[in-house]
Amino acid sequence: MALPNDSIMLLSVVNLKLRDFYKNLDALCEDLDADKADLCAKLRAVGYEYDAQRNQFV
């Protein structure tokens, strides 16, 4: 599955997938063949950071 390019849509899709399907961000990135650093940078640019404890971007 290709992740959305729009940052807000990306946030929504990633948080939904983390909540429903993946135990952590590493598992999501590995399964979707996504670059973790790029994903985090895109979401950081709109004010969101990954919280491992909550397993979501906040």
N, C-alpha and C. Protein backbone atom coordinates (compact mmCIF):
# COMPACT_ATOMS: atom_id res chain seq x y z
N MET A 1 0.84 -1.19 0.00
CA MET A 1 0.00 0.00 0.00
C MET A 1 0.88 1.24 0.00
N ALA A 2 0.58 2.16 -0.87
CA ALA A 2 1.30 3.43 -0.90
C ALA A 2 0.69 4.37 0.15
N LEU A 3 1.54 4.99 0.91
CA LEU A 3 1.06 5.94 1.91
C LEU A 3 0.75 7.27 1.24
N PRO A 4 -0.22 8.01 1.76
CA PRO A 4 -0.58 9.30 1.16
C PRO A 4 0.57 10.31 1.21
N ASN A 5 0.60 11.22 0.26
CA ASN A 5 1.62 12.28 0.25
C ASN A 5 1.21 13.45 1.13
N ASP A 6 -0.09 13.72 1.22
CA ASP A 6 -0.59 14.81 2.05
C ASP A 6 -0.29 14.49 3.52
N SER A 7 0.35 15.40 4.22
CA SER A 7 0.79 15.16 5.60
C SER A 7 -0.33 14.82 6.57
N ILE A 8 -1.46 15.50 6.46
CA ILE A 8 -2.56 15.25 7.39
C ILE A 8 -3.22 13.90 7.09
N MET A 9 -3.37 13.57 5.82
CA MET A 9 -3.89 12.25 5.46
C MET A 9 -2.91 11.16 5.90
N LEU A 10 -1.63 11.43 5.75
CA LEU A 10 -0.59 10.50 6.19
C LEU A 10 -0.71 10.25 7.68
N LEU A 11 -0.86 11.30 8.45
CA LEU A 11 -1.03 11.18 9.90
C LEU A 11 -2.21 10.29 10.23
N SER A 12 -3.33 10.53 9.59
CA SER A 12 -4.53 9.76 9.86
C SER A 12 -4.34 8.28 9.53
N VAL A 13 -3.79 7.99 8.36
CA VAL A 13 -3.59 6.60 7.95
C VAL A 13 -2.59 5.89 8.86
N VAL A 14 -1.49 6.55 9.15
CA VAL A 14 -0.45 5.92 9.98
C VAL A 14 -0.97 5.66 11.38
N ASN A 15 -1.64 6.62 11.99
CA ASN A 15 -2.16 6.40 13.34
C ASN A 15 -3.22 5.30 13.37
N LEU A 16 -4.06 5.24 12.35
CA LEU A 16 -5.05 4.17 12.27
C LEU A 16 -4.35 2.81 12.17
N LYS A 17 -3.37 2.71 11.30
CA LYS A 17 -2.66 1.44 11.13
C LYS A 17 -1.88 1.05 12.39
N LEU A 18 -1.28 2.03 13.05
CA LEU A 18 -0.58 1.73 14.31
C LEU A 18 -1.56 1.22 15.36
N ARG A 19 -2.69 1.84 15.43
CA ARG A 19 -3.71 1.44 16.42
C ARG A 19 -4.26 0.05 16.14
N ASP A 20 -4.56 -0.23 14.88
CA ASP A 20 -5.28 -1.45 14.55
C ASP A 20 -4.43 -2.64 14.11
N PHE A 21 -3.23 -2.39 13.59
CA PHE A 21 -2.49 -3.48 12.97
C PHE A 21 -1.04 -3.69 13.42
N TYR A 22 -0.39 -2.69 13.98
CA TYR A 22 1.05 -2.79 14.24
C TYR A 22 1.38 -2.49 15.70
N LYS A 23 2.33 -3.24 16.22
CA LYS A 23 2.72 -3.06 17.62
C LYS A 23 3.65 -1.86 17.81
N ASN A 24 4.29 -1.41 16.72
CA ASN A 24 5.16 -0.24 16.80
C ASN A 24 5.45 0.31 15.41
N LEU A 25 6.11 1.45 15.38
CA LEU A 25 6.41 2.12 14.12
C LEU A 25 7.37 1.30 13.26
N ASP A 26 8.32 0.63 13.86
CA ASP A 26 9.25 -0.21 13.10
C ASP A 26 8.52 -1.30 12.33
N ALA A 27 7.55 -1.95 12.96
CA ALA A 27 6.79 -3.02 12.31
C ALA A 27 5.99 -2.46 11.13
N LEU A 28 5.38 -1.29 11.32
CA LEU A 28 4.63 -0.66 10.24
C LEU A 28 5.54 -0.35 9.05
N CYS A 29 6.68 0.28 9.32
CA CYS A 29 7.60 0.66 8.25
C CYS A 29 8.14 -0.56 7.52
N GLU A 30 8.46 -1.60 8.26
CA GLU A 30 8.97 -2.81 7.64
C GLU A 30 7.91 -3.45 6.73
N ASP A 31 6.71 -3.56 7.23
CA ASP A 31 5.64 -4.22 6.48
C ASP A 31 5.24 -3.41 5.24
N LEU A 32 5.21 -2.08 5.36
CA LEU A 32 4.78 -1.23 4.26
C LEU A 32 5.96 -0.76 3.40
N ASP A 33 7.17 -1.21 3.74
CA ASP A 33 8.38 -0.82 3.03
C ASP A 33 8.49 0.70 2.96
N ALA A 34 8.26 1.33 4.12
CA ALA A 34 8.33 2.79 4.23
C ALA A 34 9.62 3.19 4.94
N ASP A 35 10.18 4.31 4.55
CA ASP A 35 11.38 4.83 5.19
C ASP A 35 10.98 5.54 6.48
N LYS A 36 11.42 5.00 7.60
CA LYS A 36 11.02 5.52 8.91
C LYS A 36 11.45 6.98 9.10
N ALA A 37 12.68 7.30 8.73
CA ALA A 37 13.19 8.67 8.90
C ALA A 37 12.39 9.65 8.06
N ASP A 38 12.06 9.27 6.83
CA ASP A 38 11.27 10.13 5.95
C ASP A 38 9.86 10.33 6.50
N LEU A 39 9.25 9.25 6.95
CA LEU A 39 7.90 9.32 7.52
C LEU A 39 7.89 10.25 8.74
N CYS A 40 8.84 10.06 9.64
CA CYS A 40 8.91 10.90 10.84
C CYS A 40 9.16 12.36 10.48
N ALA A 41 10.02 12.61 9.48
CA ALA A 41 10.31 13.98 9.06
C ALA A 41 9.07 14.66 8.48
N LYS A 42 8.30 13.94 7.67
CA LYS A 42 7.09 14.51 7.09
C LYS A 42 6.09 14.89 8.18
N LEU A 43 5.95 14.03 9.19
CA LEU A 43 4.98 14.31 10.25
C LEU A 43 5.53 15.34 11.25
N ARG A 44 6.82 15.37 11.44
CA ARG A 44 7.43 16.38 12.30
C ARG A 44 7.22 17.78 11.70
N ALA A 45 7.25 17.85 10.37
CA ALA A 45 7.07 19.13 9.68
C ALA A 45 5.69 19.75 9.94
N VAL A 46 4.72 18.93 10.29
CA VAL A 46 3.38 19.45 10.61
C VAL A 46 3.08 19.35 12.11
N GLY A 47 4.14 19.17 12.91
CA GLY A 47 4.00 19.26 14.36
C GLY A 47 3.73 17.97 15.11
N TYR A 48 4.00 16.82 14.50
CA TYR A 48 3.72 15.55 15.18
C TYR A 48 4.99 14.73 15.36
N GLU A 49 5.11 14.12 16.52
CA GLU A 49 6.24 13.24 16.85
C GLU A 49 5.69 11.88 17.26
N TYR A 50 6.44 10.83 16.98
CA TYR A 50 6.02 9.49 17.37
C TYR A 50 6.23 9.30 18.86
N ASP A 51 5.20 8.85 19.55
CA ASP A 51 5.24 8.52 20.97
C ASP A 51 5.17 6.99 21.07
N ALA A 52 6.30 6.36 21.38
CA ALA A 52 6.37 4.89 21.42
C ALA A 52 5.46 4.33 22.51
N GLN A 53 5.35 5.01 23.60
CA GLN A 53 4.50 4.54 24.69
C GLN A 53 3.03 4.44 24.26
N ARG A 54 2.59 5.44 23.52
CA ARG A 54 1.20 5.46 23.05
C ARG A 54 1.05 4.79 21.69
N ASN A 55 2.17 4.52 21.01
CA ASN A 55 2.20 3.94 19.68
C ASN A 55 1.35 4.74 18.71
N GLN A 56 1.62 6.05 18.71
CA GLN A 56 0.94 6.93 17.77
C GLN A 56 1.73 8.24 17.65
N PHE A 57 1.41 8.97 16.60
CA PHE A 57 1.99 10.30 16.43
C PHE A 57 1.08 11.29 17.14
N VAL A 58 1.68 12.11 17.99
CA VAL A 58 0.93 13.10 18.77
C VAL A 58 1.56 14.47 18.63
